[in-house]
Amino acid sequence: MPPRPSLLMVLFLLILLSMPTLNCSLQGPAHGPVTGPVPTSNSHSNARQVALKILSTSSSTSTKSSSLISSLQSPSDRNLCTNLVQTANRREGQIDDIIQRHAKKRPKKVVLAALKLGIVQMKFLDTPPHAAIYETLEALKTFPSVSKPQVSFVNAVLRSASNSTSPLSPSTSNLSPHISSTLSSDWGSSVMSEVAEVYSLHDGGVTLSCTDVDVVGEMFRTHNVTNEISPLGSVGVKNPGSIKKLPGFDEGLWWVQDSSASLPAILLKNSIERIKKEGETVRVVDVCSAPGGKAMQMGSWGWEVEGVELKEKRAKRMRENIERTRLQNKVTVTVADAKTFQPSLPPLGFLLDAPCTATGTGRKNVDVMRRSEAEGKKMEEELVNTTVGIWENAKHWGSKVCVFSVCSLSVREGESQVDTFLRMGGVEIDRIMPEEVPGFEGSIDEQGRLRIFPSDRGDGFFITRFIFV
């Protein structure tokens, strides 16, 4: 009869059986070792898999990517995935520079996306290198088409990058040559660098305009929503999660609108308050109106607003916003070409937020950072001509005041357009005063116009107010 095991041996076997199995998928010649402790689980693994899927396609800034992120159950996973994708897109130039220094050849699709995912975590999100590499490889191995040699390649490149002490390339490398040269030509290299730095950062916050800022502020405090009220009355919310789940959405108490984007309507209001007769109904036209932020602003003041929008799809979205905010009795939407549109009654004033290249919106729209010269110049030429056509028509509506604005950093789309309007005659600049724009006093130029840069606060904007003479 074999000897009976001792009590100590039994206890030792029980301890061994109760220990978790170590994940050794990174060991051996196929992948090479990863230094440091290897995590056995990570609640954010799904977030990295989704981020890798998004980055491996050409639609990383599309509606499809938004639906993939929304499929993640945990708010923290959605936030992480968004941060990974946004940072990879915004830091593309710097990331590509790292890849070129550590990879002998540039891989394609999912392998390239995996390198970006790992570098983003190590270099920009302060993830410990061993954890970033491990999680990236685990996400990569969930793709059936990926081979072991490809995993080994990603492992080797990421480990090489993690050991490098070379400084990052400047954030200006994240801008396309066309955008950086245009900004430098218009405003100088210092402003260009400041814009590049702002656009390279992922800002997950939103800014809201409200029908009643005090009511919304109190509602947010009650629901423990961290917020900050600006001098203009806008409400800023950091990491809001799902916009539709914020308090007051269903009640229509607010809409998403950047602080600087709220200024054109505020400046028009100040002019109209000076000239309107007692008891007079204020009628205004909001040109190129969708998605409707400025129109809803003016409607919330009790004005009768006619929004003019060229495309039915955008007009439909605007109507939905108006209905949610319960302003359909004040704001109407007309689908028409503003170059030929005629209001039924002369408006006291109009607001022309002109179509433009939107280079001031890079905090929200990463695509503007990488626009090519051919695309940028063609777009600018078409939009400048369109705006002149709209102005030529609108100045005959019989209005007394108007505000012109663009969310562009281009001098040609902003300051030069104003020079054109003045040469066409019939208007004078109504100077913007510092007390009208709290927080933006330093953005007023010598002619009383407002030039806001993304590094100031919010989106980049150019705004000029006119009176008809």
Protein backbone atom coordinates (compact mmCIF):
# COMPACT_ATOMS: atom_id res chain seq x y z
CA MET A 1 0.00 0.00 0.00
CA PRO A 2 1.41 3.41 -0.98
CA PRO A 3 2.18 5.80 1.84
CA ARG A 4 -0.58 8.19 2.89
CA PRO A 5 0.13 11.87 2.09
CA SER A 6 1.02 14.01 5.02
CA LEU A 7 -1.22 16.83 6.23
CA LEU A 8 1.34 19.43 5.06
CA MET A 9 1.36 17.96 1.57
CA VAL A 10 -2.45 18.09 1.37
CA LEU A 11 -2.47 21.73 2.45
CA PHE A 12 0.21 22.55 -0.11
CA LEU A 13 -1.82 20.95 -2.93
CA LEU A 14 -4.97 22.83 -1.86
CA ILE A 15 -3.08 26.14 -1.96
CA LEU A 16 -1.76 25.41 -5.46
CA LEU A 17 -5.24 24.55 -6.74
CA SER A 18 -6.71 27.76 -5.33
CA MET A 19 -4.16 30.07 -7.03
CA PRO A 20 -5.31 31.95 -10.21
CA THR A 21 -3.83 30.71 -13.46
CA LEU A 22 -1.25 33.14 -14.83
CA ASN A 23 -1.89 34.45 -18.34
CA CYS A 24 1.17 33.41 -20.31
CA SER A 25 -0.07 34.33 -23.76
CA LEU A 26 2.76 36.83 -24.15
CA GLN A 27 5.49 34.35 -23.20
CA GLY A 28 7.53 32.27 -25.61
CA PRO A 29 9.20 32.91 -28.94
CA ALA A 30 6.04 33.99 -30.77
CA HIS A 31 5.57 37.20 -28.78
CA GLY A 32 8.52 37.77 -26.46
CA PRO A 33 8.25 38.73 -22.82
CA VAL A 34 6.62 41.88 -21.53
CA THR A 35 8.52 43.31 -18.61
CA GLY A 36 6.75 44.14 -15.36
CA PRO A 37 3.70 42.54 -13.77
CA VAL A 38 1.14 41.26 -16.25
CA PRO A 39 -2.49 42.06 -15.38
CA THR A 40 -4.81 39.07 -15.28
CA SER A 41 -7.94 41.11 -15.97
CA ASN A 42 -8.95 44.61 -16.96
CA SER A 43 -12.46 46.02 -16.88
CA HIS A 44 -11.51 48.34 -19.76
CA SER A 45 -10.47 45.59 -22.21
CA ASN A 46 -13.66 45.98 -24.24
CA ALA A 47 -13.04 49.72 -24.50
CA ARG A 48 -9.62 49.08 -26.04
CA GLN A 49 -11.01 46.49 -28.43
CA VAL A 50 -13.65 48.95 -29.66
CA ALA A 51 -11.05 51.72 -29.92
CA LEU A 52 -8.82 49.43 -31.98
CA LYS A 53 -11.73 48.55 -34.26
CA ILE A 54 -12.51 52.23 -34.81
CA LEU A 55 -8.89 53.21 -35.41
CA SER A 56 -8.43 50.39 -37.92
CA THR A 57 -11.13 51.83 -40.19
CA SER A 58 -11.25 55.09 -42.11
CA SER A 59 -14.38 56.17 -40.22
CA SER A 60 -12.86 56.95 -36.84
CA THR A 61 -14.66 60.30 -36.66
CA SER A 62 -17.95 59.15 -38.19
CA THR A 63 -21.39 58.34 -36.88
CA LYS A 64 -20.45 54.64 -37.05
CA SER A 65 -17.71 55.15 -34.48
CA SER A 66 -20.20 56.90 -32.19
CA SER A 67 -22.53 53.91 -32.35
CA LEU A 68 -19.66 51.54 -31.54
CA ILE A 69 -18.71 53.61 -28.51
CA SER A 70 -22.36 53.75 -27.41
CA SER A 71 -22.46 49.94 -27.48
CA LEU A 72 -20.14 49.84 -24.46
CA GLN A 73 -22.17 49.30 -21.30
CA SER A 74 -20.05 51.14 -18.75
CA PRO A 75 -19.81 54.96 -18.77
CA SER A 76 -16.15 54.67 -17.78
CA ASP A 77 -15.54 52.35 -20.76
CA ARG A 78 -17.25 54.82 -23.11
CA ASN A 79 -15.16 57.67 -21.73
CA LEU A 80 -11.94 55.67 -22.07
CA CYS A 81 -12.73 54.56 -25.61
CA THR A 82 -13.60 58.12 -26.64
CA ASN A 83 -10.40 59.41 -25.08
CA LEU A 84 -8.28 56.78 -26.84
CA VAL A 85 -9.80 57.45 -30.27
CA GLN A 86 -9.84 61.22 -29.95
CA THR A 87 -6.28 61.41 -28.69
CA ALA A 88 -5.05 59.08 -31.45
CA ASN A 89 -6.72 61.27 -34.06
CA ARG A 90 -5.59 64.57 -32.55
CA ARG A 91 -2.00 63.43 -32.01
CA GLU A 92 -1.69 61.72 -35.38
CA GLY A 93 1.39 63.66 -36.50
CA GLN A 94 3.28 63.02 -33.26
CA ILE A 95 2.25 59.36 -33.22
CA ASP A 96 3.32 58.84 -36.84
CA ASP A 97 6.71 60.32 -36.00
CA ILE A 98 7.19 57.77 -33.20
CA ILE A 99 6.14 54.90 -35.47
CA GLN A 100 8.59 56.00 -38.18
CA ARG A 101 11.44 56.04 -35.66
CA HIS A 102 10.77 52.56 -34.29
CA ALA A 103 9.28 50.56 -37.18
CA LYS A 104 11.34 49.62 -40.24
CA LYS A 105 8.21 49.64 -42.38
CA ARG A 106 4.78 51.22 -42.00
CA PRO A 107 2.15 48.53 -41.44
CA LYS A 108 -1.43 48.71 -42.61
CA LYS A 109 -4.87 48.85 -41.02
CA VAL A 110 -5.28 46.97 -37.76
CA VAL A 111 -1.55 46.55 -37.07
CA LEU A 112 -0.98 50.27 -37.58
CA ALA A 113 -4.03 50.98 -35.40
CA ALA A 114 -2.58 48.78 -32.66
CA LEU A 115 0.67 50.75 -32.70
CA LYS A 116 -1.32 53.98 -32.39
CA LEU A 117 -3.38 52.55 -29.54
CA GLY A 118 -0.31 51.49 -27.60
CA ILE A 119 1.57 54.74 -28.18
CA VAL A 120 -1.43 56.85 -27.17
CA GLN A 121 -1.61 55.07 -23.83
CA MET A 122 2.13 55.21 -23.11
CA LYS A 123 2.99 58.69 -24.38
CA PHE A 124 -0.16 60.73 -23.86
CA LEU A 125 -2.43 59.05 -21.29
CA ASP A 126 0.23 58.14 -18.71
CA THR A 127 -0.49 54.40 -18.82
CA PRO A 128 2.47 52.34 -17.51
CA PRO A 129 4.25 50.90 -20.57
CA HIS A 130 3.93 47.23 -19.56
CA ALA A 131 0.17 47.64 -19.04
CA ALA A 132 -0.29 49.59 -22.28
CA ILE A 133 1.59 46.96 -24.28
CA TYR A 134 -0.20 44.04 -22.65
CA GLU A 135 -3.67 45.50 -23.17
CA THR A 136 -2.91 46.50 -26.76
CA LEU A 137 -1.69 43.01 -27.65
CA GLU A 138 -4.70 41.42 -25.98
CA ALA A 139 -7.03 43.66 -27.99
CA LEU A 140 -5.10 42.91 -31.19
CA LYS A 141 -5.34 39.15 -30.70
CA THR A 142 -9.16 39.35 -30.73
CA PHE A 143 -8.98 40.09 -34.48
CA PRO A 144 -9.12 36.71 -36.32
CA SER A 145 -7.11 37.99 -39.31
CA VAL A 146 -4.10 38.96 -37.20
CA SER A 147 -1.15 36.53 -37.27
CA LYS A 148 1.38 35.75 -34.54
CA PRO A 149 4.19 37.49 -36.46
CA GLN A 150 2.05 40.64 -36.60
CA VAL A 151 1.48 40.50 -32.85
CA SER A 152 5.24 40.04 -32.36
CA PHE A 153 5.90 43.03 -34.60
CA VAL A 154 3.58 45.28 -32.58
CA ASN A 155 5.11 44.00 -29.34
CA ALA A 156 8.64 44.77 -30.54
CA VAL A 157 7.82 48.26 -31.85
CA LEU A 158 5.91 49.27 -28.72
CA ARG A 159 8.68 48.01 -26.42
CA SER A 160 11.23 49.94 -28.45
CA ALA A 161 9.10 53.09 -28.23
CA SER A 162 8.58 52.62 -24.49
CA ASN A 163 12.35 52.54 -23.92
CA SER A 164 13.00 55.65 -25.99
CA THR A 165 13.94 58.90 -24.26
CA SER A 166 13.65 61.01 -27.42
CA PRO A 167 11.38 64.07 -27.02
CA LEU A 168 8.02 64.18 -28.75
CA SER A 169 7.74 66.15 -31.96
CA PRO A 170 5.90 69.49 -31.49
CA SER A 171 2.10 69.59 -31.53
CA THR A 172 2.29 71.61 -34.75
CA SER A 173 3.06 68.31 -36.51
CA ASN A 174 -0.57 67.35 -35.88
CA LEU A 175 -1.75 70.07 -38.29
CA SER A 176 -1.72 69.58 -42.04
CA PRO A 177 0.84 71.70 -43.94
CA HIS A 178 -2.04 73.72 -45.42
CA ILE A 179 -3.61 74.58 -42.06
CA SER A 180 -0.30 75.39 -40.37
CA SER A 181 0.91 77.57 -43.27
CA THR A 182 -2.41 79.44 -43.50
CA LEU A 183 -2.45 80.14 -39.76
CA SER A 184 1.19 81.24 -39.80
CA SER A 185 0.61 83.50 -42.79
CA ASP A 186 -2.48 85.11 -41.26
CA TRP A 187 -1.47 85.33 -37.61
CA GLY A 188 2.16 84.31 -37.14
CA SER A 189 3.87 81.16 -35.90
CA SER A 190 3.09 81.84 -32.23
CA VAL A 191 -0.69 81.82 -32.76
CA MET A 192 -0.36 78.80 -35.04
CA SER A 193 1.48 76.91 -32.28
CA GLU A 194 -1.15 77.88 -29.69
CA VAL A 195 -3.95 76.66 -31.95
CA ALA A 196 -2.09 73.40 -32.60
CA GLU A 197 -1.67 72.80 -28.88
CA VAL A 198 -5.37 73.40 -28.15
CA TYR A 199 -6.51 71.21 -31.05
CA SER A 200 -4.18 68.39 -29.98
CA LEU A 201 -5.96 68.06 -26.63
CA HIS A 202 -9.12 66.02 -26.20
CA ASP A 203 -11.72 68.10 -24.38
CA GLY A 204 -14.67 65.94 -23.43
CA GLY A 205 -16.72 68.82 -22.03
CA VAL A 206 -19.73 70.61 -23.51
CA THR A 207 -21.09 74.14 -23.19
CA LEU A 208 -24.82 74.79 -22.98
CA SER A 209 -27.06 77.79 -23.61
CA CYS A 210 -30.16 77.88 -21.43
CA THR A 211 -33.66 79.31 -21.45
CA ASP A 212 -33.05 80.12 -17.77
CA VAL A 213 -29.48 79.69 -16.53
CA ASP A 214 -30.46 79.91 -12.85
CA VAL A 215 -33.01 77.10 -13.18
CA VAL A 216 -30.55 74.89 -15.06
CA GLY A 217 -27.75 75.64 -12.60
CA GLU A 218 -29.92 74.67 -9.65
CA MET A 219 -31.12 71.53 -11.43
CA PHE A 220 -27.53 70.47 -12.09
CA ARG A 221 -26.55 71.08 -8.47
CA THR A 222 -29.49 68.97 -7.30
CA HIS A 223 -28.36 66.10 -9.54
CA ASN A 224 -24.66 66.54 -8.63
CA VAL A 225 -23.68 67.56 -12.17
CA THR A 226 -20.44 69.52 -11.90
CA ASN A 227 -20.81 72.71 -13.92
CA GLU A 228 -19.41 76.18 -14.35
CA ILE A 229 -21.41 79.24 -15.38
CA SER A 230 -19.53 81.68 -17.64
CA PRO A 231 -19.88 85.48 -17.51
CA LEU A 232 -22.02 85.20 -20.65
CA GLY A 233 -24.47 82.86 -18.91
CA SER A 234 -23.35 79.67 -20.66
CA VAL A 235 -23.07 76.49 -18.59
CA GLY A 236 -19.98 74.32 -19.00
CA VAL A 237 -20.12 70.63 -18.11
CA LYS A 238 -17.00 68.45 -17.99
CA ASN A 239 -17.34 64.76 -18.93
CA PRO A 240 -21.13 64.93 -19.38
CA GLY A 241 -21.52 61.36 -20.62
CA SER A 242 -24.69 60.97 -22.66
CA ILE A 243 -26.01 64.44 -23.49
CA LYS A 244 -29.59 63.20 -23.56
CA LYS A 245 -29.30 61.96 -19.97
CA LEU A 246 -28.34 65.34 -18.52
CA PRO A 247 -31.06 66.96 -16.37
CA GLY A 248 -33.26 69.33 -18.34
CA PHE A 249 -32.78 67.73 -21.77
CA ASP A 250 -36.28 66.33 -22.08
CA GLU A 251 -37.73 69.55 -20.67
CA GLY A 252 -35.92 71.55 -23.36
CA LEU A 253 -34.22 73.85 -20.85
CA TRP A 254 -30.91 73.98 -22.74
CA TRP A 255 -29.08 73.18 -25.96
CA VAL A 256 -25.44 72.60 -26.84
CA GLN A 257 -23.78 75.85 -27.92
CA ASP A 258 -20.24 77.10 -27.41
CA SER A 259 -19.78 80.33 -25.45
CA SER A 260 -18.22 82.18 -28.38
CA ALA A 261 -21.00 80.91 -30.67
CA SER A 262 -23.56 82.62 -28.42
CA LEU A 263 -21.96 86.05 -28.91
CA PRO A 264 -23.42 86.98 -32.34
CA ALA A 265 -27.00 86.80 -31.06
CA ILE A 266 -26.09 88.67 -27.86
CA LEU A 267 -24.49 91.47 -29.88
CA LEU A 268 -27.51 91.67 -32.19
CA LYS A 269 -29.76 91.89 -29.14
CA ASN A 270 -27.80 94.82 -27.74
CA SER A 271 -28.20 96.72 -31.01
CA ILE A 272 -31.89 95.99 -31.33
CA GLU A 273 -32.57 97.01 -27.73
CA ARG A 274 -31.18 100.45 -28.58
CA ILE A 275 -33.28 101.03 -31.70
CA LYS A 276 -36.59 99.23 -31.21
CA LYS A 277 -39.68 101.22 -30.32
CA GLU A 278 -41.58 100.58 -27.10
CA GLY A 279 -43.95 97.65 -27.55
CA GLU A 280 -42.56 96.83 -31.00
CA THR A 281 -42.47 93.16 -31.98
CA VAL A 282 -38.92 92.17 -32.79
CA ARG A 283 -38.66 90.19 -36.02
CA VAL A 284 -35.28 88.87 -37.13
CA VAL A 285 -33.91 86.51 -39.75
CA ASP A 286 -31.23 83.97 -38.87
CA VAL A 287 -29.38 83.08 -42.07
CA CYS A 288 -27.72 79.65 -42.48
CA SER A 289 -29.51 78.79 -39.26
CA ALA A 290 -29.14 75.05 -38.59
CA PRO A 291 -28.67 73.44 -36.13
CA GLY A 292 -30.47 76.38 -34.55
CA GLY A 293 -28.50 77.46 -31.48
CA LYS A 294 -28.61 81.17 -32.29
CA ALA A 295 -32.25 81.03 -33.42
CA MET A 296 -33.25 79.35 -30.15
CA GLN A 297 -31.29 81.97 -28.23
CA MET A 298 -33.25 84.75 -29.88
CA GLY A 299 -36.54 82.87 -29.62
CA SER A 300 -36.02 82.45 -25.87
CA TRP A 301 -35.99 86.27 -25.62
CA GLY A 302 -39.49 86.41 -27.08
CA TRP A 303 -38.42 87.46 -30.56
CA GLU A 304 -40.06 86.18 -33.75
CA VAL A 305 -37.26 84.38 -35.57
CA GLU A 306 -37.26 83.02 -39.10
CA GLY A 307 -34.40 80.61 -39.66
CA VAL A 308 -33.28 80.14 -43.26
CA GLU A 309 -31.56 76.88 -44.12
CA LEU A 310 -30.57 75.56 -47.55
CA LYS A 311 -30.81 71.81 -46.89
CA GLU A 312 -33.95 70.02 -45.76
CA LYS A 313 -31.99 67.45 -43.75
CA ARG A 314 -30.42 70.18 -41.63
CA ALA A 315 -33.74 72.01 -41.38
CA LYS A 316 -35.38 68.84 -40.05
CA ARG A 317 -32.78 68.54 -37.32
CA MET A 318 -33.31 72.19 -36.43
CA ARG A 319 -37.08 71.73 -36.16
CA GLU A 320 -36.50 68.82 -33.77
CA ASN A 321 -34.33 71.05 -31.58
CA ILE A 322 -36.92 73.82 -31.63
CA GLU A 323 -39.71 71.43 -30.62
CA ARG A 324 -37.64 70.00 -27.77
CA THR A 325 -36.99 73.49 -26.41
CA ARG A 326 -40.72 74.42 -26.75
CA LEU A 327 -39.88 77.40 -28.97
CA GLN A 328 -41.91 76.46 -32.05
CA ASN A 329 -44.25 79.43 -31.45
CA LYS A 330 -41.30 81.82 -31.75
CA VAL A 331 -38.93 80.17 -34.22
CA THR A 332 -39.85 78.99 -37.71
CA VAL A 333 -37.64 77.30 -40.29
CA THR A 334 -37.72 78.02 -44.01
CA VAL A 335 -35.83 75.87 -46.50
CA ALA A 336 -34.48 78.30 -49.08
CA ASP A 337 -31.36 79.62 -50.77
CA ALA A 338 -30.36 82.70 -48.78
CA LYS A 339 -28.99 84.28 -51.97
CA THR A 340 -32.57 84.67 -53.23
CA PHE A 341 -34.75 84.36 -50.08
CA GLN A 342 -37.15 87.22 -49.31
CA PRO A 343 -38.76 87.57 -45.85
CA SER A 344 -42.51 88.20 -45.74
CA LEU A 345 -41.97 91.27 -43.53
CA PRO A 346 -38.86 93.46 -43.20
CA PRO A 347 -36.86 92.16 -40.24
CA LEU A 348 -35.57 94.67 -37.72
CA GLY A 349 -32.24 92.88 -37.94
CA PHE A 350 -30.60 89.76 -39.26
CA LEU A 351 -27.80 87.46 -38.25
CA LEU A 352 -25.52 85.99 -40.90
CA ASP A 353 -23.41 83.19 -39.45
CA ALA A 354 -21.84 82.60 -42.82
CA PRO A 355 -20.88 79.24 -44.31
CA CYS A 356 -17.14 78.79 -43.86
CA THR A 357 -14.31 76.28 -43.58
CA ALA A 358 -14.93 76.05 -39.80
CA THR A 359 -11.23 76.08 -38.94
CA GLY A 360 -12.14 77.60 -35.57
CA THR A 361 -13.96 74.43 -34.49
CA GLY A 362 -11.00 72.05 -34.26
CA ARG A 363 -11.71 71.32 -30.58
CA LYS A 364 -14.88 69.52 -31.72
CA ASN A 365 -14.08 68.67 -35.33
CA VAL A 366 -10.71 66.97 -35.67
CA ASP A 367 -11.00 66.76 -39.46
CA VAL A 368 -10.22 70.47 -39.89
CA MET A 369 -6.70 69.82 -38.53
CA ARG A 370 -5.74 67.69 -41.52
CA ARG A 371 -7.43 69.42 -44.44
CA SER A 372 -5.33 69.37 -47.60
CA GLU A 373 -4.35 72.47 -49.55
CA ALA A 374 -6.44 71.49 -52.58
CA GLU A 375 -9.52 70.81 -50.47
CA GLY A 376 -9.06 73.86 -48.25
CA LYS A 377 -8.54 76.39 -51.03
CA LYS A 378 -11.42 75.07 -53.13
CA MET A 379 -13.77 75.09 -50.15
CA GLU A 380 -12.77 78.60 -49.09
CA GLU A 381 -13.22 80.00 -52.61
CA GLU A 382 -16.72 78.55 -52.94
CA LEU A 383 -17.85 79.66 -49.49
CA VAL A 384 -16.51 83.21 -49.82
CA ASN A 385 -18.41 83.63 -53.09
CA THR A 386 -21.56 82.19 -51.51
CA THR A 387 -21.33 84.61 -48.59
CA VAL A 388 -20.97 87.63 -50.88
CA GLY A 389 -24.08 86.48 -52.75
CA ILE A 390 -26.05 86.15 -49.51
CA TRP A 391 -24.92 89.60 -48.35
CA GLU A 392 -25.86 91.20 -51.66
CA ASN A 393 -29.40 89.87 -51.20
CA ALA A 394 -29.81 90.36 -47.44
CA LYS A 395 -28.77 94.01 -47.38
CA HIS A 396 -31.96 94.84 -49.33
CA TRP A 397 -34.34 93.32 -46.75
CA GLY A 398 -34.89 96.63 -45.02
CA SER A 399 -33.13 95.76 -41.76
CA LYS A 400 -31.58 98.42 -39.55
CA VAL A 401 -28.84 96.31 -37.94
CA CYS A 402 -27.09 93.00 -38.54
CA VAL A 403 -24.30 90.81 -37.22
CA PHE A 404 -21.89 88.88 -39.45
CA SER A 405 -19.92 85.95 -38.02
CA VAL A 406 -17.80 82.99 -39.10
CA CYS A 407 -16.32 80.14 -37.06
CA SER A 408 -13.18 80.35 -39.18
CA LEU A 409 -9.65 81.50 -38.36
CA SER A 410 -9.07 82.60 -41.96
CA VAL A 411 -8.57 86.32 -42.60
CA ARG A 412 -10.06 85.90 -46.06
CA GLU A 413 -13.30 84.49 -44.62
CA GLY A 414 -13.46 87.06 -41.82
CA GLU A 415 -11.71 90.43 -41.94
CA SER A 416 -11.43 90.51 -45.73
CA GLN A 417 -15.13 89.74 -46.10
CA VAL A 418 -15.98 92.73 -43.92
CA ASP A 419 -13.80 94.94 -46.13
CA THR A 420 -15.79 93.68 -49.12
CA PHE A 421 -19.12 94.48 -47.45
CA LEU A 422 -17.96 98.00 -46.62
CA ARG A 423 -16.88 98.59 -50.23
CA MET A 424 -20.31 97.44 -51.40
CA GLY A 425 -21.76 100.33 -49.37
CA GLY A 426 -24.86 100.91 -47.28
CA VAL A 427 -23.39 99.83 -43.92
CA GLU A 428 -21.03 101.01 -41.23
CA ILE A 429 -19.34 99.02 -38.47
CA ASP A 430 -21.15 99.28 -35.13
CA ARG A 431 -18.24 98.92 -32.73
CA ILE A 432 -18.37 96.12 -30.15
CA MET A 433 -17.72 97.45 -26.66
CA PRO A 434 -15.77 95.58 -23.94
CA GLU A 435 -18.70 95.52 -21.50
CA GLU A 436 -20.76 93.58 -24.05
CA VAL A 437 -18.39 90.61 -24.18
CA PRO A 438 -17.25 89.70 -20.64
CA GLY A 439 -14.33 87.32 -20.84
CA PHE A 440 -13.51 88.37 -24.40
CA GLU A 441 -12.62 92.02 -23.89
CA GLY A 442 -9.07 91.45 -25.14
CA SER A 443 -10.36 89.97 -28.40
CA ILE A 444 -11.74 93.27 -29.75
CA ASP A 445 -9.58 94.70 -32.53
CA GLU A 446 -8.92 98.35 -33.39
CA GLN A 447 -12.00 98.56 -35.62
CA GLY A 448 -14.35 97.27 -32.93
CA ARG A 449 -14.60 93.77 -34.36
CA LEU A 450 -14.20 90.55 -32.40
CA ARG A 451 -11.50 88.01 -33.30
CA ILE A 452 -11.53 85.02 -30.95
CA PHE A 453 -8.93 82.25 -31.08
CA PRO A 454 -9.43 78.73 -29.67
CA SER A 455 -6.76 79.47 -27.07
CA ASP A 456 -8.90 82.35 -25.74
CA ARG A 457 -11.98 80.40 -24.76
CA GLY A 458 -14.18 78.11 -26.82
CA ASP A 459 -14.33 77.98 -30.61
CA GLY A 460 -12.48 80.37 -32.87
CA PHE A 461 -14.80 83.09 -34.20
CA PHE A 462 -14.80 86.38 -36.07
CA ILE A 463 -17.75 88.72 -35.45
CA THR A 464 -18.61 92.16 -36.82
CA ARG A 465 -21.75 94.20 -36.14
CA PHE A 466 -23.16 96.61 -38.73
CA ILE A 467 -25.74 99.38 -38.90
CA PHE A 468 -27.42 100.25 -42.19
CA VAL A 469 -27.04 103.84 -43.35
